[in-house]
Amino acid sequence: MDENQISYKVRGAIFNVYNNLGPGLLESVYVATLLYELSKVGLKVKREVPVPVYYEGEKLEVGFRLDLLIEDKVIIEVKSVENLAEVHHKQTITYLKLTKLKLAILVNFNVENINSGIFRKVNGL
């Protein structure tokens, strides 16, 4: 399954979660329910995946963690905030660069219309 096929299933799971729970809950609730929804459709999902940072050839233990990693190919970064800040977008792109992955989905569940809360970020895709 390629990144675009995974992305399609991820969007479906995001819509299911949003339609069932609505906005305004903690990020941890959305992460847990997305994990459940994605596992239910047969995708391999990892939660709180450590992201190593290498600086001048040295591995640094800095504690970055991906919210969800799907099929070892697609990152999902979950937020539940009033407004996404530019730093949220930059953080997601940096995760792509650090992991050398091609696709990430940044989603903010604290919106009136979930379509306006989903952002696709690419790294050479």
PDB file of N, CA and C in Angstrom:
ATOM      1  N   MET A   1       0.854  -1.177   0.000  1.00  0.00           N
ATOM      2  CA  MET A   1       0.000   0.000   0.000  1.00  0.00           C
ATOM      3  C   MET A   1       0.903   1.245   0.000  1.00  0.00           C
ATOM      4  N   ASP A   2       0.652   2.177  -0.894  1.00  0.00           N
ATOM      5  CA  ASP A   2       1.473   3.385  -0.938  1.00  0.00           C
ATOM      6  C   ASP A   2       0.884   4.473  -0.030  1.00  0.00           C
ATOM      7  N   GLU A   3       1.619   5.567   0.063  1.00  0.00           N
ATOM      8  CA  GLU A   3       1.235   6.659   0.965  1.00  0.00           C
ATOM      9  C   GLU A   3      -0.145   7.228   0.649  1.00  0.00           C
ATOM     10  N   ASN A   4      -0.463   7.363  -0.629  1.00  0.00           N
ATOM     11  CA  ASN A   4      -1.764   7.927  -0.991  1.00  0.00           C
ATOM     12  C   ASN A   4      -2.919   7.003  -0.605  1.00  0.00           C
ATOM     13  N   GLN A   5      -2.724   5.704  -0.748  1.00  0.00           N
ATOM     14  CA  GLN A   5      -3.761   4.754  -0.337  1.00  0.00           C
ATOM     15  C   GLN A   5      -3.948   4.770   1.177  1.00  0.00           C
ATOM     16  N   ILE A   6      -2.835   4.864   1.897  1.00  0.00           N
ATOM     17  CA  ILE A   6      -2.904   4.959   3.359  1.00  0.00           C
ATOM     18  C   ILE A   6      -3.608   6.255   3.751  1.00  0.00           C
ATOM     19  N   SER A   7      -3.254   7.348   3.081  1.00  0.00           N
ATOM     20  CA  SER A   7      -3.848   8.653   3.366  1.00  0.00           C
ATOM     21  C   SER A   7      -5.366   8.624   3.219  1.00  0.00           C
ATOM     22  N   TYR A   8      -5.839   7.916   2.211  1.00  0.00           N
ATOM     23  CA  TYR A   8      -7.284   7.808   1.989  1.00  0.00           C
ATOM     24  C   TYR A   8      -7.959   7.145   3.196  1.00  0.00           C
ATOM     25  N   LYS A   9      -7.362   6.076   3.694  1.00  0.00           N
ATOM     26  CA  LYS A   9      -7.925   5.380   4.859  1.00  0.00           C
ATOM     27  C   LYS A   9      -7.821   6.237   6.118  1.00  0.00           C
ATOM     28  N   VAL A  10      -6.729   6.972   6.228  1.00  0.00           N
ATOM     29  CA  VAL A  10      -6.546   7.853   7.381  1.00  0.00           C
ATOM     30  C   VAL A  10      -7.627   8.928   7.403  1.00  0.00           C
ATOM     31  N   ARG A  11      -7.885   9.530   6.260  1.00  0.00           N
ATOM     32  CA  ARG A  11      -8.934  10.565   6.195  1.00  0.00           C
ATOM     33  C   ARG A  11     -10.293   9.987   6.607  1.00  0.00           C
ATOM     34  N   GLY A  12     -10.589   8.783   6.142  1.00  0.00           N
ATOM     35  CA  GLY A  12     -11.838   8.134   6.529  1.00  0.00           C
ATOM     36  C   GLY A  12     -11.921   7.936   8.031  1.00  0.00           C
ATOM     37  N   ALA A  13     -10.818   7.512   8.635  1.00  0.00           N
ATOM     38  CA  ALA A  13     -10.782   7.316  10.088  1.00  0.00           C
ATOM     39  C   ALA A  13     -10.949   8.644  10.821  1.00  0.00           C
ATOM     40  N   ILE A  14     -10.320   9.700  10.310  1.00  0.00           N
ATOM     41  CA  ILE A  14     -10.456  11.031  10.923  1.00  0.00           C
ATOM     42  C   ILE A  14     -11.917  11.461  10.906  1.00  0.00           C
ATOM     43  N   PHE A  15     -12.580  11.285   9.783  1.00  0.00           N
ATOM     44  CA  PHE A  15     -14.001  11.654   9.677  1.00  0.00           C
ATOM     45  C   PHE A  15     -14.850  10.836  10.649  1.00  0.00           C
ATOM     46  N   ASN A  16     -14.581   9.532  10.750  1.00  0.00           N
ATOM     47  CA  ASN A  16     -15.340   8.692  11.688  1.00  0.00           C
ATOM     48  C   ASN A  16     -15.179   9.167  13.119  1.00  0.00           C
ATOM     49  N   VAL A  17     -13.941   9.435  13.512  1.00  0.00           N
ATOM     50  CA  VAL A  17     -13.675   9.888  14.874  1.00  0.00           C
ATOM     51  C   VAL A  17     -14.371  11.221  15.132  1.00  0.00           C
ATOM     52  N   TYR A  18     -14.210  12.159  14.204  1.00  0.00           N
ATOM     53  CA  TYR A  18     -14.814  13.482  14.380  1.00  0.00           C
ATOM     54  C   TYR A  18     -16.343  13.389  14.447  1.00  0.00           C
ATOM     55  N   ASN A  19     -16.935  12.605  13.561  1.00  0.00           N
ATOM     56  CA  ASN A  19     -18.395  12.475  13.548  1.00  0.00           C
ATOM     57  C   ASN A  19     -18.929  11.820  14.809  1.00  0.00           C
ATOM     58  N   ASN A  20     -18.148  10.938  15.420  1.00  0.00           N
ATOM     59  CA  ASN A  20     -18.582  10.268  16.640  1.00  0.00           C
ATOM     60  C   ASN A  20     -18.304  11.067  17.905  1.00  0.00           C
ATOM     61  N   LEU A  21     -17.199  11.802  17.948  1.00  0.00           N
ATOM     62  CA  LEU A  21     -16.807  12.501  19.174  1.00  0.00           C
ATOM     63  C   LEU A  21     -16.998  14.013  19.125  1.00  0.00           C
ATOM     64  N   GLY A  22     -16.879  14.589  17.937  1.00  0.00           N
ATOM     65  CA  GLY A  22     -16.957  16.041  17.824  1.00  0.00           C
ATOM     66  C   GLY A  22     -15.684  16.719  18.296  1.00  0.00           C
ATOM     67  N   PRO A  23     -15.692  18.053  18.320  1.00  0.00           N
ATOM     68  CA  PRO A  23     -14.507  18.822  18.706  1.00  0.00           C
ATOM     69  C   PRO A  23     -14.396  18.992  20.219  1.00  0.00           C
ATOM     70  N   GLY A  24     -13.214  19.456  20.647  1.00  0.00           N
ATOM     71  CA  GLY A  24     -13.058  19.935  22.014  1.00  0.00           C
ATOM     72  C   GLY A  24     -12.520  18.969  23.050  1.00  0.00           C
ATOM     73  N   LEU A  25     -12.163  17.741  22.652  1.00  0.00           N
ATOM     74  CA  LEU A  25     -11.616  16.795  23.619  1.00  0.00           C
ATOM     75  C   LEU A  25     -10.088  16.891  23.643  1.00  0.00           C
ATOM     76  N   LEU A  26      -9.475  16.173  24.558  1.00  0.00           N
ATOM     77  CA  LEU A  26      -8.024  16.149  24.638  1.00  0.00           C
ATOM     78  C   LEU A  26      -7.421  15.404  23.448  1.00  0.00           C
ATOM     79  N   GLU A  27      -6.224  15.802  23.073  1.00  0.00           N
ATOM     80  CA  GLU A  27      -5.533  15.145  21.960  1.00  0.00           C
ATOM     81  C   GLU A  27      -5.398  13.648  22.201  1.00  0.00           C
ATOM     82  N   SER A  28      -5.140  13.258  23.438  1.00  0.00           N
ATOM     83  CA  SER A  28      -4.937  11.839  23.744  1.00  0.00           C
ATOM     84  C   SER A  28      -6.165  11.000  23.394  1.00  0.00           C
ATOM     85  N   VAL A  29      -7.349  11.570  23.513  1.00  0.00           N
ATOM     86  CA  VAL A  29      -8.577  10.857  23.155  1.00  0.00           C
ATOM     87  C   VAL A  29      -8.621  10.627  21.645  1.00  0.00           C
ATOM     88  N   TYR A  30      -8.284  11.653  20.885  1.00  0.00           N
ATOM     89  CA  TYR A  30      -8.295  11.523  19.425  1.00  0.00           C
ATOM     90  C   TYR A  30      -7.219  10.550  18.939  1.00  0.00           C
ATOM     91  N   VAL A  31      -6.064  10.572  19.566  1.00  0.00           N
ATOM     92  CA  VAL A  31      -4.997   9.641  19.191  1.00  0.00           C
ATOM     93  C   VAL A  31      -5.459   8.204  19.446  1.00  0.00           C
ATOM     94  N   ALA A  32      -6.035   7.955  20.613  1.00  0.00           N
ATOM     95  CA  ALA A  32      -6.493   6.601  20.960  1.00  0.00           C
ATOM     96  C   ALA A  32      -7.594   6.120  20.025  1.00  0.00           C
ATOM     97  N   THR A  33      -8.535   6.998  19.702  1.00  0.00           N
ATOM     98  CA  THR A  33      -9.638   6.575  18.823  1.00  0.00           C
ATOM     99  C   THR A  33      -9.178   6.414  17.380  1.00  0.00           C
ATOM    100  N   LEU A  34      -8.238   7.232  16.932  1.00  0.00           N
ATOM    101  CA  LEU A  34      -7.668   7.047  15.592  1.00  0.00           C
ATOM    102  C   LEU A  34      -6.913   5.724  15.515  1.00  0.00           C
ATOM    103  N   LEU A  35      -6.156   5.419  16.541  1.00  0.00           N
ATOM    104  CA  LEU A  35      -5.446   4.149  16.583  1.00  0.00           C
ATOM    105  C   LEU A  35      -6.440   2.998  16.451  1.00  0.00           C
ATOM    106  N   TYR A  36      -7.524   3.078  17.184  1.00  0.00           N
ATOM    107  CA  TYR A  36      -8.567   2.049  17.126  1.00  0.00           C
ATOM    108  C   TYR A  36      -9.167   1.944  15.718  1.00  0.00           C
ATOM    109  N   GLU A  37      -9.566   3.087  15.157  1.00  0.00           N
ATOM    110  CA  GLU A  37     -10.195   3.105  13.824  1.00  0.00           C
ATOM    111  C   GLU A  37      -9.257   2.563  12.745  1.00  0.00           C
ATOM    112  N   LEU A  38      -8.000   2.961  12.791  1.00  0.00           N
ATOM    113  CA  LEU A  38      -7.046   2.531  11.773  1.00  0.00           C
ATOM    114  C   LEU A  38      -6.703   1.050  11.912  1.00  0.00           C
ATOM    115  N   SER A  39      -6.613   0.580  13.136  1.00  0.00           N
ATOM    116  CA  SER A  39      -6.376  -0.855  13.367  1.00  0.00           C
ATOM    117  C   SER A  39      -7.559  -1.669  12.874  1.00  0.00           C
ATOM    118  N   LYS A  40      -8.757  -1.120  13.072  1.00  0.00           N
ATOM    119  CA  LYS A  40      -9.986  -1.796  12.660  1.00  0.00           C
ATOM    120  C   LYS A  40     -10.028  -2.046  11.146  1.00  0.00           C
ATOM    121  N   VAL A  41      -9.420  -1.157  10.362  1.00  0.00           N
ATOM    122  CA  VAL A  41      -9.418  -1.335   8.901  1.00  0.00           C
ATOM    123  C   VAL A  41      -8.157  -2.061   8.421  1.00  0.00           C
ATOM    124  N   GLY A  42      -7.417  -2.633   9.359  1.00  0.00           N
ATOM    125  CA  GLY A  42      -6.299  -3.496   9.006  1.00  0.00           C
ATOM    126  C   GLY A  42      -4.954  -2.827   8.806  1.00  0.00           C
ATOM    127  N   LEU A  43      -4.825  -1.578   9.235  1.00  0.00           N
ATOM    128  CA  LEU A  43      -3.543  -0.900   9.100  1.00  0.00           C
ATOM    129  C   LEU A  43      -2.672  -1.143  10.334  1.00  0.00           C
ATOM    130  N   LYS A  44      -1.368  -1.230  10.108  1.00  0.00           N
ATOM    131  CA  LYS A  44      -0.413  -1.367  11.212  1.00  0.00           C
ATOM    132  C   LYS A  44      -0.160   0.038  11.768  1.00  0.00           C
ATOM    133  N   VAL A  45      -0.451   0.215  13.051  1.00  0.00           N
ATOM    134  CA  VAL A  45      -0.366   1.533  13.675  1.00  0.00           C
ATOM    135  C   VAL A  45       0.552   1.466  14.889  1.00  0.00           C
ATOM    136  N   LYS A  46       1.475   2.432  14.961  1.00  0.00           N
ATOM    137  CA  LYS A  46       2.342   2.567  16.133  1.00  0.00           C
ATOM    138  C   LYS A  46       2.047   3.920  16.772  1.00  0.00           C
ATOM    139  N   ARG A  47       2.065   3.939  18.101  1.00  0.00           N
ATOM    140  CA  ARG A  47       1.762   5.168  18.853  1.00  0.00           C
ATOM    141  C   ARG A  47       3.004   5.630  19.600  1.00  0.00           C
ATOM    142  N   GLU A  48       3.180   6.959  19.698  1.00  0.00           N
ATOM    143  CA  GLU A  48       4.291   7.565  20.444  1.00  0.00           C
ATOM    144  C   GLU A  48       5.645   7.012  19.985  1.00  0.00           C
ATOM    145  N   VAL A  49       5.877   7.075  18.692  1.00  0.00           N
ATOM    146  CA  VAL A  49       7.103   6.536  18.110  1.00  0.00           C
ATOM    147  C   VAL A  49       8.247   7.533  18.311  1.00  0.00           C
ATOM    148  N   PRO A  50       9.347   7.088  18.941  1.00  0.00           N
ATOM    149  CA  PRO A  50      10.479   7.992  19.151  1.00  0.00           C
ATOM    150  C   PRO A  50      11.116   8.401  17.827  1.00  0.00           C
ATOM    151  N   VAL A  51      11.529   9.659  17.753  1.00  0.00           N
ATOM    152  CA  VAL A  51      12.212  10.184  16.571  1.00  0.00           C
ATOM    153  C   VAL A  51      13.614  10.614  16.993  1.00  0.00           C
ATOM    154  N   PRO A  52      14.627   9.878  16.518  1.00  0.00           N
ATOM    155  CA  PRO A  52      15.989  10.279  16.881  1.00  0.00           C
ATOM    156  C   PRO A  52      16.419  11.536  16.127  1.00  0.00           C
ATOM    157  N   VAL A  53      17.270  12.303  16.751  1.00  0.00           N
ATOM    158  CA  VAL A  53      17.852  13.477  16.108  1.00  0.00           C
ATOM    159  C   VAL A  53      19.357  13.250  16.068  1.00  0.00           C
ATOM    160  N   TYR A  54      19.908  13.366  14.862  1.00  0.00           N
ATOM    161  CA  TYR A  54      21.345  13.241  14.697  1.00  0.00           C
ATOM    162  C   TYR A  54      21.903  14.624  14.406  1.00  0.00           C
ATOM    163  N   TYR A  55      22.930  14.967  15.137  1.00  0.00           N
ATOM    164  CA  TYR A  55      23.573  16.269  14.953  1.00  0.00           C
ATOM    165  C   TYR A  55      25.072  16.023  14.848  1.00  0.00           C
ATOM    166  N   GLU A  56      25.646  16.415  13.727  1.00  0.00           N
ATOM    167  CA  GLU A  56      27.056  16.198  13.445  1.00  0.00           C
ATOM    168  C   GLU A  56      27.442  14.744  13.681  1.00  0.00           C
ATOM    169  N   GLY A  57      26.559  13.844  13.241  1.00  0.00           N
ATOM    170  CA  GLY A  57      26.835  12.416  13.329  1.00  0.00           C
ATOM    171  C   GLY A  57      26.540  11.771  14.670  1.00  0.00           C
ATOM    172  N   GLU A  58      26.141  12.549  15.638  1.00  0.00           N
ATOM    173  CA  GLU A  58      25.853  12.020  16.972  1.00  0.00           C
ATOM    174  C   GLU A  58      24.346  11.935  17.193  1.00  0.00           C
ATOM    175  N   LYS A  59      23.914  10.804  17.727  1.00  0.00           N
ATOM    176  CA  LYS A  59      22.501  10.622  18.056  1.00  0.00           C
ATOM    177  C   LYS A  59      22.224  11.303  19.399  1.00  0.00           C
ATOM    178  N   LEU A  60      21.256  12.224  19.380  1.00  0.00           N
ATOM    179  CA  LEU A  60      20.889  12.954  20.591  1.00  0.00           C
ATOM    180  C   LEU A  60      19.575  12.411  21.141  1.00  0.00           C
ATOM    181  N   GLU A  61      19.501  12.271  22.425  1.00  0.00           N
ATOM    182  CA  GLU A  61      18.270  11.804  23.067  1.00  0.00           C
ATOM    183  C   GLU A  61      17.458  13.034  23.463  1.00  0.00           C
ATOM    184  N   VAL A  62      16.580  13.469  22.564  1.00  0.00           N
ATOM    185  CA  VAL A  62      15.835  14.697  22.819  1.00  0.00           C
ATOM    186  C   VAL A  62      14.347  14.482  23.045  1.00  0.00           C
ATOM    187  N   GLY A  63      13.853  13.283  22.840  1.00  0.00           N
ATOM    188  CA  GLY A  63      12.485  12.983  23.236  1.00  0.00           C
ATOM    189  C   GLY A  63      11.370  13.350  22.289  1.00  0.00           C
ATOM    190  N   PHE A  64      11.661  13.561  20.996  1.00  0.00           N
ATOM    191  CA  PHE A  64      10.569  13.781  20.056  1.00  0.00           C
ATOM    192  C   PHE A  64       9.809  12.472  19.865  1.00  0.00           C
ATOM    193  N   ARG A  65       8.489  12.567  19.748  1.00  0.00           N
ATOM    194  CA  ARG A  65       7.669  11.376  19.523  1.00  0.00           C
ATOM    195  C   ARG A  65       6.568  11.705  18.513  1.00  0.00           C
ATOM    196  N   LEU A  66       6.389  10.785  17.564  1.00  0.00           N
ATOM    197  CA  LEU A  66       5.287  10.915  16.606  1.00  0.00           C
ATOM    198  C   LEU A  66       4.016  10.446  17.295  1.00  0.00           C
ATOM    199  N   ASP A  67       2.909  11.148  17.077  1.00  0.00           N
ATOM    200  CA  ASP A  67       1.639  10.697  17.656  1.00  0.00           C
ATOM    201  C   ASP A  67       1.289   9.314  17.136  1.00  0.00           C
ATOM    202  N   LEU A  68       1.234   9.175  15.818  1.00  0.00           N
ATOM    203  CA  LEU A  68       0.927   7.892  15.190  1.00  0.00           C
ATOM    204  C   LEU A  68       1.788   7.711  13.950  1.00  0.00           C
ATOM    205  N   LEU A  69       2.218   6.475  13.721  1.00  0.00           N
ATOM    206  CA  LEU A  69       2.929   6.115  12.509  1.00  0.00           C
ATOM    207  C   LEU A  69       2.174   4.949  11.877  1.00  0.00           C
ATOM    208  N   ILE A  70       1.728   5.147  10.642  1.00  0.00           N
ATOM    209  CA  ILE A  70       0.889   4.169   9.961  1.00  0.00           C
ATOM    210  C   ILE A  70       1.713   3.428   8.911  1.00  0.00           C
ATOM    211  N   GLU A  71       1.726   2.085   9.028  1.00  0.00           N
ATOM    212  CA  GLU A  71       2.413   1.222   8.061  1.00  0.00           C
ATOM    213  C   GLU A  71       3.879   1.626   7.858  1.00  0.00           C
ATOM    214  N   ASP A  72       4.484   2.241   8.857  1.00  0.00           N
ATOM    215  CA  ASP A  72       5.870   2.721   8.778  1.00  0.00           C
ATOM    216  C   ASP A  72       6.089   3.683   7.616  1.00  0.00           C
ATOM    217  N   LYS A  73       5.008   4.345   7.156  1.00  0.00           N
ATOM    218  CA  LYS A  73       5.097   5.229   5.991  1.00  0.00           C
ATOM    219  C   LYS A  73       4.479   6.603   6.198  1.00  0.00           C
ATOM    220  N   VAL A  74       3.421   6.703   6.995  1.00  0.00           N
ATOM    221  CA  VAL A  74       2.673   7.960   7.107  1.00  0.00           C
ATOM    222  C   VAL A  74       2.583   8.375   8.573  1.00  0.00           C
ATOM    223  N   ILE A  75       2.951   9.622   8.823  1.00  0.00           N
ATOM    224  CA  ILE A  75       2.872  10.206  10.166  1.00  0.00           C
ATOM    225  C   ILE A  75       1.530  10.894  10.323  1.00  0.00           C
ATOM    226  N   ILE A  76       0.911  10.725  11.489  1.00  0.00           N
ATOM    227  CA  ILE A  76      -0.265  11.527  11.835  1.00  0.00           C
ATOM    228  C   ILE A  76       0.089  12.317  13.079  1.00  0.00           C
ATOM    229  N   GLU A  77       0.013  13.627  12.964  1.00  0.00           N
ATOM    230  CA  GLU A  77       0.241  14.530  14.090  1.00  0.00           C
ATOM    231  C   GLU A  77      -1.108  15.097  14.488  1.00  0.00           C
ATOM    232  N   VAL A  78      -1.529  14.830  15.716  1.00  0.00           N
ATOM    233  CA  VAL A  78      -2.869  15.183  16.191  1.00  0.00           C
ATOM    234  C   VAL A  78      -2.804  16.402  17.104  1.00  0.00           C
ATOM    235  N   LYS A  79      -3.697  17.346  16.860  1.00  0.00           N
ATOM    236  CA  LYS A  79      -3.845  18.521  17.703  1.00  0.00           C
ATOM    237  C   LYS A  79      -5.314  18.702  18.048  1.00  0.00           C
ATOM    238  N   SER A  80      -5.556  19.389  19.153  1.00  0.00           N
ATOM    239  CA  SER A  80      -6.903  19.810  19.530  1.00  0.00           C
ATOM    240  C   SER A  80      -6.761  21.187  20.165  1.00  0.00           C
ATOM    241  N   VAL A  81      -6.562  22.172  19.289  1.00  0.00           N
ATOM    242  CA  VAL A  81      -6.277  23.536  19.729  1.00  0.00           C
ATOM    243  C   VAL A  81      -7.224  24.520  19.049  1.00  0.00           C
ATOM    244  N   GLU A  82      -7.348  25.685  19.644  1.00  0.00           N
ATOM    245  CA  GLU A  82      -8.225  26.722  19.092  1.00  0.00           C
ATOM    246  C   GLU A  82      -7.818  27.069  17.661  1.00  0.00           C
ATOM    247  N   ASN A  83      -6.518  27.299  17.463  1.00  0.00           N
ATOM    248  CA  ASN A  83      -5.987  27.604  16.134  1.00  0.00           C
ATOM    249  C   ASN A  83      -4.629  26.954  15.992  1.00  0.00           C
ATOM    250  N   LEU A  84      -4.394  26.311  14.867  1.00  0.00           N
ATOM    251  CA  LEU A  84      -3.054  25.799  14.604  1.00  0.00           C
ATOM    252  C   LEU A  84      -2.116  26.975  14.399  1.00  0.00           C
ATOM    253  N   ALA A  85      -0.948  26.877  14.981  1.00  0.00           N
ATOM    254  CA  ALA A  85       0.082  27.897  14.786  1.00  0.00           C
ATOM    255  C   ALA A  85       1.015  27.440  13.673  1.00  0.00           C
ATOM    256  N   GLU A  86       1.752  28.366  13.125  1.00  0.00           N
ATOM    257  CA  GLU A  86       2.716  28.035  12.079  1.00  0.00           C
ATOM    258  C   GLU A  86       3.713  26.975  12.567  1.00  0.00           C
ATOM    259  N   VAL A  87       4.036  27.018  13.845  1.00  0.00           N
ATOM    260  CA  VAL A  87       4.984  26.055  14.412  1.00  0.00           C
ATOM    261  C   VAL A  87       4.464  24.619  14.309  1.00  0.00           C
ATOM    262  N   HIS A  88       3.162  24.405  14.365  1.00  0.00           N
ATOM    263  CA  HIS A  88       2.604  23.057  14.220  1.00  0.00           C
ATOM    264  C   HIS A  88       2.884  22.509  12.823  1.00  0.00           C
ATOM    265  N   HIS A  89       2.735  23.357  11.824  1.00  0.00           N
ATOM    266  CA  HIS A  89       3.015  22.953  10.444  1.00  0.00           C
ATOM    267  C   HIS A  89       4.508  22.671  10.269  1.00  0.00           C
ATOM    268  N   LYS A  90       5.347  23.553  10.801  1.00  0.00           N
ATOM    269  CA  LYS A  90       6.798  23.391  10.686  1.00  0.00           C
ATOM    270  C   LYS A  90       7.266  22.141  11.417  1.00  0.00           C
ATOM    271  N   GLN A  91       6.700  21.886  12.588  1.00  0.00           N
ATOM    272  CA  GLN A  91       7.049  20.702  13.367  1.00  0.00           C
ATOM    273  C   GLN A  91       6.763  19.429  12.562  1.00  0.00           C
ATOM    274  N   THR A  92       5.621  19.386  11.924  1.00  0.00           N
ATOM    275  CA  THR A  92       5.234  18.212  11.147  1.00  0.00           C
ATOM    276  C   THR A  92       6.177  18.006   9.970  1.00  0.00           C
ATOM    277  N   ILE A  93       6.533  19.068   9.291  1.00  0.00           N
ATOM    278  CA  ILE A  93       7.482  18.976   8.169  1.00  0.00           C
ATOM    279  C   ILE A  93       8.860  18.528   8.666  1.00  0.00           C
ATOM    280  N   THR A  94       9.272  19.031   9.811  1.00  0.00           N
ATOM    281  CA  THR A  94      10.557  18.621  10.383  1.00  0.00           C
ATOM    282  C   THR A  94      10.544  17.142  10.738  1.00  0.00           C
ATOM    283  N   TYR A  95       9.431  16.641  11.264  1.00  0.00           N
ATOM    284  CA  TYR A  95       9.317  15.199  11.534  1.00  0.00           C
ATOM    285  C   TYR A  95       9.516  14.392  10.262  1.00  0.00           C
ATOM    286  N   LEU A  96       8.950  14.860   9.161  1.00  0.00           N
ATOM    287  CA  LEU A  96       9.147  14.172   7.884  1.00  0.00           C
ATOM    288  C   LEU A  96      10.628  14.139   7.504  1.00  0.00           C
ATOM    289  N   LYS A  97      11.293  15.261   7.649  1.00  0.00           N
ATOM    290  CA  LYS A  97      12.706  15.330   7.290  1.00  0.00           C
ATOM    291  C   LYS A  97      13.552  14.435   8.194  1.00  0.00           C
ATOM    292  N   LEU A  98      13.274  14.459   9.498  1.00  0.00           N
ATOM    293  CA  LEU A  98      14.053  13.647  10.436  1.00  0.00           C
ATOM    294  C   LEU A  98      13.865  12.152  10.201  1.00  0.00           C
ATOM    295  N   THR A  99      12.665  11.759   9.830  1.00  0.00           N
ATOM    296  CA  THR A  99      12.369  10.335   9.623  1.00  0.00           C
ATOM    297  C   THR A  99      12.622   9.886   8.187  1.00  0.00           C
ATOM    298  N   LYS A 100      12.819  10.854   7.289  1.00  0.00           N
ATOM    299  CA  LYS A 100      12.985  10.580   5.850  1.00  0.00           C
ATOM    300  C   LYS A 100      11.744   9.924   5.246  1.00  0.00           C
ATOM    301  N   LEU A 101      10.590  10.194   5.853  1.00  0.00           N
ATOM    302  CA  LEU A 101       9.327   9.716   5.307  1.00  0.00           C
ATOM    303  C   LEU A 101       8.778  10.749   4.333  1.00  0.00           C
ATOM    304  N   LYS A 102       7.769  10.347   3.555  1.00  0.00           N
ATOM    305  CA  LYS A 102       7.267  11.205   2.494  1.00  0.00           C
ATOM    306  C   LYS A 102       5.971  11.925   2.807  1.00  0.00           C
ATOM    307  N   LEU A 103       5.157  11.392   3.735  1.00  0.00           N
ATOM    308  CA  LEU A 103       3.835  11.972   3.948  1.00  0.00           C
ATOM    309  C   LEU A 103       3.482  12.042   5.426  1.00  0.00           C
ATOM    310  N   ALA A 104       2.927  13.178   5.812  1.00  0.00           N
ATOM    311  CA  ALA A 104       2.384  13.357   7.161  1.00  0.00           C
ATOM    312  C   ALA A 104       1.036  14.050   7.042  1.00  0.00           C
ATOM    313  N   ILE A 105       0.184  13.748   7.984  1.00  0.00           N
ATOM    314  CA  ILE A 105      -1.115  14.413   8.059  1.00  0.00           C
ATOM    315  C   ILE A 105      -1.197  15.090   9.417  1.00  0.00           C
ATOM    316  N   LEU A 106      -1.354  16.403   9.372  1.00  0.00           N
ATOM    317  CA  LEU A 106      -1.568  17.204  10.573  1.00  0.00           C
ATOM    318  C   LEU A 106      -3.063  17.422  10.682  1.00  0.00           C
ATOM    319  N   VAL A 107      -3.637  17.040  11.821  1.00  0.00           N
ATOM    320  CA  VAL A 107      -5.084  17.201  11.978  1.00  0.00           C
ATOM    321  C   VAL A 107      -5.384  17.905  13.295  1.00  0.00           C
ATOM    322  N   ASN A 108      -6.230  18.917  13.201  1.00  0.00           N
ATOM    323  CA  ASN A 108      -6.728  19.628  14.380  1.00  0.00           C
ATOM    324  C   ASN A 108      -8.203  19.282  14.538  1.00  0.00           C
ATOM    325  N   PHE A 109      -8.524  18.580  15.617  1.00  0.00           N
ATOM    326  CA  PHE A 109      -9.907  18.158  15.839  1.00  0.00           C
ATOM    327  C   PHE A 109     -10.776  19.251  16.461  1.00  0.00           C
ATOM    328  N   ASN A 110     -10.183  20.345  16.895  1.00  0.00           N
ATOM    329  CA  ASN A 110     -10.964  21.395  17.551  1.00  0.00           C
ATOM    330  C   ASN A 110     -11.428  22.444  16.534  1.00  0.00           C
ATOM    331  N   VAL A 111     -12.203  21.970  15.552  1.00  0.00           N
ATOM    332  CA  VAL A 111     -12.720  22.838  14.489  1.00  0.00           C
ATOM    333  C   VAL A 111     -14.201  22.542  14.288  1.00  0.00           C
ATOM    334  N   GLU A 112     -14.913  23.499  13.685  1.00  0.00           N
ATOM    335  CA  GLU A 112     -16.337  23.281  13.404  1.00  0.00           C
ATOM    336  C   GLU A 112     -16.556  22.324  12.244  1.00  0.00           C
ATOM    337  N   ASN A 113     -15.671  22.363  11.266  1.00  0.00           N
ATOM    338  CA  ASN A 113     -15.760  21.490  10.095  1.00  0.00           C
ATOM    339  C   ASN A 113     -14.418  20.784   9.948  1.00  0.00           C
ATOM    340  N   ILE A 114     -14.405  19.468  10.092  1.00  0.00           N
ATOM    341  CA  ILE A 114     -13.147  18.724  10.096  1.00  0.00           C
ATOM    342  C   ILE A 114     -12.368  18.887   8.791  1.00  0.00           C
ATOM    343  N   ASN A 115     -13.042  19.188   7.683  1.00  0.00           N
ATOM    344  CA  ASN A 115     -12.323  19.428   6.421  1.00  0.00           C
ATOM    345  C   ASN A 115     -11.307  20.552   6.561  1.00  0.00           C
ATOM    346  N   SER A 116     -11.617  21.555   7.372  1.00  0.00           N
ATOM    347  CA  SER A 116     -10.704  22.681   7.545  1.00  0.00           C
ATOM    348  C   SER A 116      -9.593  22.367   8.544  1.00  0.00           C
ATOM    349  N   GLY A 117      -9.627  21.195   9.165  1.00  0.00           N
ATOM    350  CA  GLY A 117      -8.624  20.831  10.168  1.00  0.00           C
ATOM    351  C   GLY A 117      -7.610  19.796   9.707  1.00  0.00           C
ATOM    352  N   ILE A 118      -7.678  19.385   8.440  1.00  0.00           N
ATOM    353  CA  ILE A 118      -6.772  18.351   7.942  1.00  0.00           C
ATOM    354  C   ILE A 118      -5.786  18.961   6.955  1.00  0.00           C
ATOM    355  N   PHE A 119      -4.484  18.727   7.221  1.00  0.00           N
ATOM    356  CA  PHE A 119      -3.428  19.289   6.375  1.00  0.00           C
ATOM    357  C   PHE A 119      -2.457  18.182   5.977  1.00  0.00           C
ATOM    358  N   ARG A 120      -2.219  18.080   4.695  1.00  0.00           N
ATOM    359  CA  ARG A 120      -1.296  17.101   4.143  1.00  0.00           C
ATOM    360  C   ARG A 120       0.067  17.761   3.992  1.00  0.00           C
ATOM    361  N   LYS A 121       1.088  17.129   4.522  1.00  0.00           N
ATOM    362  CA  LYS A 121       2.465  17.642   4.407  1.00  0.00           C
ATOM    363  C   LYS A 121       3.301  16.589   3.690  1.00  0.00           C
ATOM    364  N   VAL A 122       4.086  17.028   2.717  1.00  0.00           N
ATOM    365  CA  VAL A 122       4.866  16.078   1.926  1.00  0.00           C
ATOM    366  C   VAL A 122       6.354  16.401   1.964  1.00  0.00           C
ATOM    367  N   ASN A 123       7.121  15.364   1.745  1.00  0.00           N
ATOM    368  CA  ASN A 123       8.578  15.458   1.691  1.00  0.00           C
ATOM    369  C   ASN A 123       9.017  14.634   0.490  1.00  0.00           C
ATOM    370  N   GLY A 124       9.025  15.237  -0.680  1.00  0.00           N
ATOM    371  CA  GLY A 124       9.471  14.553  -1.887  1.00  0.00           C
ATOM    372  C   GLY A 124       8.471  13.564  -2.464  1.00  0.00           C
ATOM    373  N   LEU A 125       7.199  13.700  -2.153  1.00  0.00           N
ATOM    374  CA  LEU A 125       6.178  12.784  -2.675  1.00  0.00           C
ATOM    375  C   LEU A 125       5.610  13.326  -3.977  1.00  0.00           C
TER     376      LEU A 125
END
